[in-house]
């Protein structure tokens, strides 16, 4: 069993959530501003062993990245 990991991952590549889903076990999206609140809190249920090509090609990865991107952009 792996240890829990935490990271802050802004969307440097223009794809909100992609890096967070790839490296994390859980993704939490906060609302903007000083009074931030949690707007999305989802587990990342992908294999612990991840590599760029295989992991990013998984339908589960794409679905979660899309969901997070929609929340970040305010389209969901």
Protein backbone atom coordinates (compact mmCIF):
# COMPACT_ATOMS: atom_id res chain seq x y z
CA UNK A 1 0.00 0.00 0.00
CA UNK A 2 1.39 3.39 -0.93
CA UNK A 3 1.56 6.42 1.31
CA UNK A 4 -0.95 9.23 0.77
CA UNK A 5 0.37 12.04 -1.41
CA UNK A 6 -0.63 15.67 -1.57
CA UNK A 7 0.19 18.29 -4.14
CA UNK A 8 -0.97 21.63 -5.38
CA UNK A 9 -1.17 21.53 -9.13
CA UNK A 10 -2.16 24.59 -11.12
CA UNK A 11 -3.00 23.93 -14.76
CA UNK A 12 0.28 24.88 -16.42
CA UNK A 13 -0.48 22.86 -19.52
CA UNK A 14 -3.93 24.34 -20.15
CA UNK A 15 -5.67 21.13 -19.09
CA UNK A 16 -7.06 21.66 -15.56
CA UNK A 17 -6.80 18.53 -13.49
CA UNK A 18 -4.50 16.51 -15.75
CA UNK A 19 -1.45 16.66 -13.50
CA UNK A 20 -3.50 16.28 -10.30
CA UNK A 21 -5.19 13.14 -11.62
CA UNK A 22 -1.88 11.72 -12.82
CA UNK A 23 0.05 12.14 -9.54
CA UNK A 24 -2.68 12.16 -6.90
CA UNK A 25 -4.89 9.77 -5.02
CA UNK A 26 -7.53 12.44 -4.48
CA UNK A 27 -8.35 15.75 -6.14
CA UNK A 28 -9.90 18.67 -4.28
CA UNK A 29 -10.99 21.75 -6.22
CA UNK A 30 -11.45 24.98 -4.27
CA UNK A 31 -13.54 28.00 -5.17
CA UNK A 32 -11.57 31.15 -6.02
CA UNK A 33 -10.91 33.95 -3.59
CA UNK A 34 -10.07 34.39 0.07
CA UNK A 35 -13.27 32.67 1.27
CA UNK A 36 -12.49 29.46 -0.60
CA UNK A 37 -14.67 26.42 -0.15
CA UNK A 38 -14.45 22.91 -1.51
CA UNK A 39 -16.46 22.60 -4.73
CA UNK A 40 -15.27 19.11 -5.72
CA UNK A 41 -13.59 16.32 -3.77
CA UNK A 42 -13.04 13.08 -5.69
CA UNK A 43 -10.83 10.03 -5.21
CA UNK A 44 -8.49 9.06 -8.03
CA UNK A 45 -8.96 5.34 -8.46
CA UNK A 46 -6.16 4.58 -10.90
CA UNK A 47 -3.37 2.02 -10.52
CA UNK A 48 -0.60 3.11 -8.13
CA UNK A 49 2.00 2.37 -10.79
CA UNK A 50 1.45 5.04 -13.44
CA UNK A 51 3.30 5.99 -16.59
CA UNK A 52 2.56 8.86 -18.95
CA UNK A 53 1.32 6.97 -21.99
CA UNK A 54 -0.65 4.17 -20.36
CA UNK A 55 -2.27 6.18 -17.58
CA UNK A 56 -3.25 9.17 -19.70
CA UNK A 57 -4.82 6.79 -22.21
CA UNK A 58 -7.16 5.20 -19.67
CA UNK A 59 -10.86 6.11 -20.03
CA UNK A 60 -11.03 6.65 -16.25
CA UNK A 61 -8.23 9.21 -16.45
CA UNK A 62 -9.92 11.09 -19.28
CA UNK A 63 -13.32 11.10 -17.56
CA UNK A 64 -11.92 12.41 -14.29
CA UNK A 65 -9.75 15.03 -16.00
CA UNK A 66 -12.80 16.20 -17.97
CA UNK A 67 -14.95 16.42 -14.84
CA UNK A 68 -12.31 18.44 -12.99
CA UNK A 69 -11.76 20.72 -15.99
CA UNK A 70 -15.49 21.46 -16.21
CA UNK A 71 -15.62 22.39 -12.52
CA UNK A 72 -12.50 24.57 -12.73
CA UNK A 73 -13.83 26.39 -15.81
CA UNK A 74 -17.29 26.74 -14.26
CA UNK A 75 -19.07 24.76 -16.96
CA UNK A 76 -20.41 22.18 -14.53
